[in-house]
Amino acid sequence: MLCDGAVDAVVFTIDRVNLGPTVLLSLSGTADDPQPARLADALAGLLDDPPAGGVVVDATGVDFMSTPSLATLMDFCGAARYEKVACVVVASRPVARPLRMIGADVELRRNVGEALAYCDAQAAMRV
């Protein structure tokens, strides 16, 4: 927003929490440029030593996600699937709608509880 020549900073946060064998990555704010690179950096190391319980990306706090950020998220989920690591995206309308519209091959859930249950079920199937 412009106000007397000043520009308000757009905030995008990425927080990581280990929930037992599952990693929860919480995103909030506006995922516009240059956020795809920050998101890729946050996701990059997760598959080097994959969490046994999978990865949950909670994007319910995101109010806008640009196409490059969506592509970064989809690429990560595809790579996780290839490595047989459960990956679930928890999303509200600003993220879920574009993913559904393009037919993204991403596990979507409405809340973190559902996502963790999915990861637990996937981990149990691998045992």
C-alpha atoms as a PDB file:
ATOM      1  CA  MET A   1       0.000   0.000   0.000  1.00  0.00           C
ATOM      2  CA  LEU A   2       1.378   3.404  -0.912  1.00  0.00           C
ATOM      3  CA  CYS A   3       1.192   6.114   1.686  1.00  0.00           C
ATOM      4  CA  ASP A   4       3.235   9.315   1.423  1.00  0.00           C
ATOM      5  CA  GLY A   5       5.765   7.556  -0.793  1.00  0.00           C
ATOM      6  CA  ALA A   6       6.322   4.711   1.679  1.00  0.00           C
ATOM      7  CA  VAL A   7       5.624   1.064   0.906  1.00  0.00           C
ATOM      8  CA  ASP A   8       4.286  -1.265   3.575  1.00  0.00           C
ATOM      9  CA  ALA A   9       6.345  -4.437   3.760  1.00  0.00           C
ATOM     10  CA  VAL A  10       4.486  -7.584   2.799  1.00  0.00           C
ATOM     11  CA  VAL A  11       5.085 -10.239   5.415  1.00  0.00           C
ATOM     12  CA  PHE A  12       5.464 -13.942   4.666  1.00  0.00           C
ATOM     13  CA  THR A  13       6.498 -16.247   7.479  1.00  0.00           C
ATOM     14  CA  ILE A  14       7.633 -19.854   7.470  1.00  0.00           C
ATOM     15  CA  ASP A  15       7.800 -21.733  10.776  1.00  0.00           C
ATOM     16  CA  ARG A  16       8.950 -25.329  11.272  1.00  0.00           C
ATOM     17  CA  VAL A  17       7.850 -27.541  14.161  1.00  0.00           C
ATOM     18  CA  ASN A  18       8.658 -31.213  14.710  1.00  0.00           C
ATOM     19  CA  LEU A  19       5.563 -33.089  15.883  1.00  0.00           C
ATOM     20  CA  GLY A  20       7.040 -36.450  16.752  1.00  0.00           C
ATOM     21  CA  PRO A  21       7.958 -38.127  13.469  1.00  0.00           C
ATOM     22  CA  THR A  22       6.131 -35.502  11.377  1.00  0.00           C
ATOM     23  CA  VAL A  23       7.358 -32.069  10.338  1.00  0.00           C
ATOM     24  CA  LEU A  24       4.804 -29.246  10.333  1.00  0.00           C
ATOM     25  CA  LEU A  25       5.724 -26.284   8.167  1.00  0.00           C
ATOM     26  CA  SER A  26       3.370 -23.351   8.851  1.00  0.00           C
ATOM     27  CA  LEU A  27       3.095 -20.613   6.236  1.00  0.00           C
ATOM     28  CA  SER A  28       1.377 -17.274   6.690  1.00  0.00           C
ATOM     29  CA  GLY A  29       1.053 -13.989   4.855  1.00  0.00           C
ATOM     30  CA  THR A  30       1.435 -13.259   1.170  1.00  0.00           C
ATOM     31  CA  ALA A  31       3.483 -15.737  -0.875  1.00  0.00           C
ATOM     32  CA  ASP A  32       4.432 -13.451  -3.744  1.00  0.00           C
ATOM     33  CA  ASP A  33       7.877 -12.613  -5.181  1.00  0.00           C
ATOM     34  CA  PRO A  34      10.531 -13.378  -3.869  1.00  0.00           C
ATOM     35  CA  GLN A  35       8.764 -15.947  -1.684  1.00  0.00           C
ATOM     36  CA  PRO A  36       9.094 -18.998  -4.002  1.00  0.00           C
ATOM     37  CA  ALA A  37      12.851 -19.026  -3.308  1.00  0.00           C
ATOM     38  CA  ARG A  38      12.285 -18.751   0.466  1.00  0.00           C
ATOM     39  CA  LEU A  39       9.690 -21.524   0.319  1.00  0.00           C
ATOM     40  CA  ALA A  40      12.015 -23.728  -1.748  1.00  0.00           C
ATOM     41  CA  ASP A  41      14.806 -23.139   0.784  1.00  0.00           C
ATOM     42  CA  ALA A  42      12.525 -24.103   3.676  1.00  0.00           C
ATOM     43  CA  LEU A  43      11.422 -27.293   1.899  1.00  0.00           C
ATOM     44  CA  ALA A  44      14.795 -28.225   0.399  1.00  0.00           C
ATOM     45  CA  GLY A  45      16.376 -30.055   3.298  1.00  0.00           C
ATOM     46  CA  LEU A  46      13.265 -31.961   4.313  1.00  0.00           C
ATOM     47  CA  LEU A  47      13.852 -34.755   1.821  1.00  0.00           C
ATOM     48  CA  ASP A  48      17.593 -35.094   2.497  1.00  0.00           C
ATOM     49  CA  ASP A  49      16.761 -36.809   5.787  1.00  0.00           C
ATOM     50  CA  PRO A  50      13.013 -37.390   5.381  1.00  0.00           C
ATOM     51  CA  PRO A  51      10.836 -37.365   8.469  1.00  0.00           C
ATOM     52  CA  ALA A  52       9.358 -40.815   9.097  1.00  0.00           C
ATOM     53  CA  GLY A  53       5.907 -39.364   9.684  1.00  0.00           C
ATOM     54  CA  GLY A  54       5.887 -37.129   6.624  1.00  0.00           C
ATOM     55  CA  VAL A  55       5.480 -33.418   6.048  1.00  0.00           C
ATOM     56  CA  VAL A  56       2.424 -31.266   6.665  1.00  0.00           C
ATOM     57  CA  VAL A  57       2.440 -27.832   5.035  1.00  0.00           C
ATOM     58  CA  ASP A  58      -0.104 -25.658   6.821  1.00  0.00           C
ATOM     59  CA  ALA A  59      -0.980 -22.843   4.429  1.00  0.00           C
ATOM     60  CA  THR A  60      -4.204 -21.777   6.171  1.00  0.00           C
ATOM     61  CA  GLY A  61      -2.540 -18.492   7.136  1.00  0.00           C
ATOM     62  CA  VAL A  62      -1.679 -17.621   3.534  1.00  0.00           C
ATOM     63  CA  ASP A  63      -3.866 -14.897   2.038  1.00  0.00           C
ATOM     64  CA  PHE A  64      -2.341 -15.109  -1.463  1.00  0.00           C
ATOM     65  CA  MET A  65       0.007 -17.569  -3.157  1.00  0.00           C
ATOM     66  CA  SER A  66       1.558 -16.646  -6.493  1.00  0.00           C
ATOM     67  CA  THR A  67       1.833 -19.142  -9.336  1.00  0.00           C
ATOM     68  CA  PRO A  68       5.590 -19.631  -8.778  1.00  0.00           C
ATOM     69  CA  SER A  69       4.961 -20.316  -5.076  1.00  0.00           C
ATOM     70  CA  LEU A  70       2.207 -22.805  -5.945  1.00  0.00           C
ATOM     71  CA  ALA A  71       4.586 -24.501  -8.404  1.00  0.00           C
ATOM     72  CA  THR A  72       7.271 -24.729  -5.699  1.00  0.00           C
ATOM     73  CA  LEU A  73       4.787 -26.363  -3.340  1.00  0.00           C
ATOM     74  CA  MET A  74       3.561 -28.796  -6.014  1.00  0.00           C
ATOM     75  CA  ASP A  75       7.131 -29.700  -7.006  1.00  0.00           C
ATOM     76  CA  PHE A  76       7.995 -30.476  -3.391  1.00  0.00           C
ATOM     77  CA  CYS A  77       4.902 -32.653  -2.945  1.00  0.00           C
ATOM     78  CA  GLY A  78       5.783 -34.528  -6.139  1.00  0.00           C
ATOM     79  CA  ALA A  79       9.358 -35.064  -4.965  1.00  0.00           C
ATOM     80  CA  ALA A  80       8.101 -36.254  -1.560  1.00  0.00           C
ATOM     81  CA  ARG A  81       5.742 -38.722  -3.242  1.00  0.00           C
ATOM     82  CA  TYR A  82       8.654 -40.018  -5.361  1.00  0.00           C
ATOM     83  CA  GLU A  83      10.697 -40.530  -2.170  1.00  0.00           C
ATOM     84  CA  LYS A  84       7.669 -42.213  -0.536  1.00  0.00           C
ATOM     85  CA  VAL A  85       7.321 -39.475   2.077  1.00  0.00           C
ATOM     86  CA  ALA A  86       3.782 -38.432   2.980  1.00  0.00           C
ATOM     87  CA  CYS A  87       3.151 -34.789   2.102  1.00  0.00           C
ATOM     88  CA  VAL A  88      -0.112 -33.040   2.910  1.00  0.00           C
ATOM     89  CA  VAL A  89      -1.116 -29.436   2.311  1.00  0.00           C
ATOM     90  CA  VAL A  90      -3.604 -27.876   4.708  1.00  0.00           C
ATOM     91  CA  ALA A  91      -5.178 -24.981   2.901  1.00  0.00           C
ATOM     92  CA  SER A  92      -8.054 -22.576   2.917  1.00  0.00           C
ATOM     93  CA  ARG A  93      -9.537 -21.007  -0.199  1.00  0.00           C
ATOM     94  CA  PRO A  94      -6.653 -18.736  -1.338  1.00  0.00           C
ATOM     95  CA  VAL A  95      -4.394 -21.788  -1.733  1.00  0.00           C
ATOM     96  CA  ALA A  96      -6.804 -24.715  -2.089  1.00  0.00           C
ATOM     97  CA  ARG A  97      -8.891 -23.183  -4.862  1.00  0.00           C
ATOM     98  CA  PRO A  98      -6.070 -22.634  -7.380  1.00  0.00           C
ATOM     99  CA  LEU A  99      -4.625 -26.069  -6.591  1.00  0.00           C
ATOM    100  CA  ARG A 100      -8.013 -27.676  -7.272  1.00  0.00           C
ATOM    101  CA  MET A 101      -8.624 -25.571 -10.382  1.00  0.00           C
ATOM    102  CA  ILE A 102      -5.419 -26.758 -12.041  1.00  0.00           C
ATOM    103  CA  GLY A 103      -5.919 -30.340 -10.911  1.00  0.00           C
ATOM    104  CA  ALA A 104      -2.748 -30.406  -8.829  1.00  0.00           C
ATOM    105  CA  ASP A 105      -1.756 -33.872  -7.618  1.00  0.00           C
ATOM    106  CA  VAL A 106      -1.468 -32.759  -3.997  1.00  0.00           C
ATOM    107  CA  GLU A 107      -3.051 -34.236  -0.865  1.00  0.00           C
ATOM    108  CA  LEU A 108      -5.262 -31.449   0.505  1.00  0.00           C
ATOM    109  CA  ARG A 109      -6.860 -31.365   3.938  1.00  0.00           C
ATOM    110  CA  ARG A 110      -8.913 -28.726   5.749  1.00  0.00           C
ATOM    111  CA  ASN A 111      -7.099 -28.831   9.079  1.00  0.00           C
ATOM    112  CA  VAL A 112      -3.845 -29.970  10.634  1.00  0.00           C
ATOM    113  CA  GLY A 113      -5.550 -32.767  12.585  1.00  0.00           C
ATOM    114  CA  GLU A 114      -6.810 -34.390   9.367  1.00  0.00           C
ATOM    115  CA  ALA A 115      -3.381 -33.969   7.782  1.00  0.00           C
ATOM    116  CA  LEU A 116      -1.585 -35.577  10.729  1.00  0.00           C
ATOM    117  CA  ALA A 117      -4.064 -38.481  10.668  1.00  0.00           C
ATOM    118  CA  TYR A 118      -3.324 -38.968   6.954  1.00  0.00           C
ATOM    119  CA  CYS A 119       0.444 -38.960   7.629  1.00  0.00           C
ATOM    120  CA  ASP A 120      -0.008 -41.460  10.478  1.00  0.00           C
ATOM    121  CA  ALA A 121      -2.021 -43.767   8.207  1.00  0.00           C
ATOM    122  CA  GLN A 122       0.620 -43.535   5.468  1.00  0.00           C
ATOM    123  CA  ALA A 123       3.413 -44.285   7.947  1.00  0.00           C
ATOM    124  CA  ALA A 124       1.491 -47.302   9.284  1.00  0.00           C
ATOM    125  CA  MET A 125       1.147 -48.680   5.741  1.00  0.00           C
ATOM    126  CA  ARG A 126       4.929 -48.465   5.230  1.00  0.00           C
ATOM    127  CA  VAL A 127       5.697 -50.546   8.337  1.00  0.00           C
END
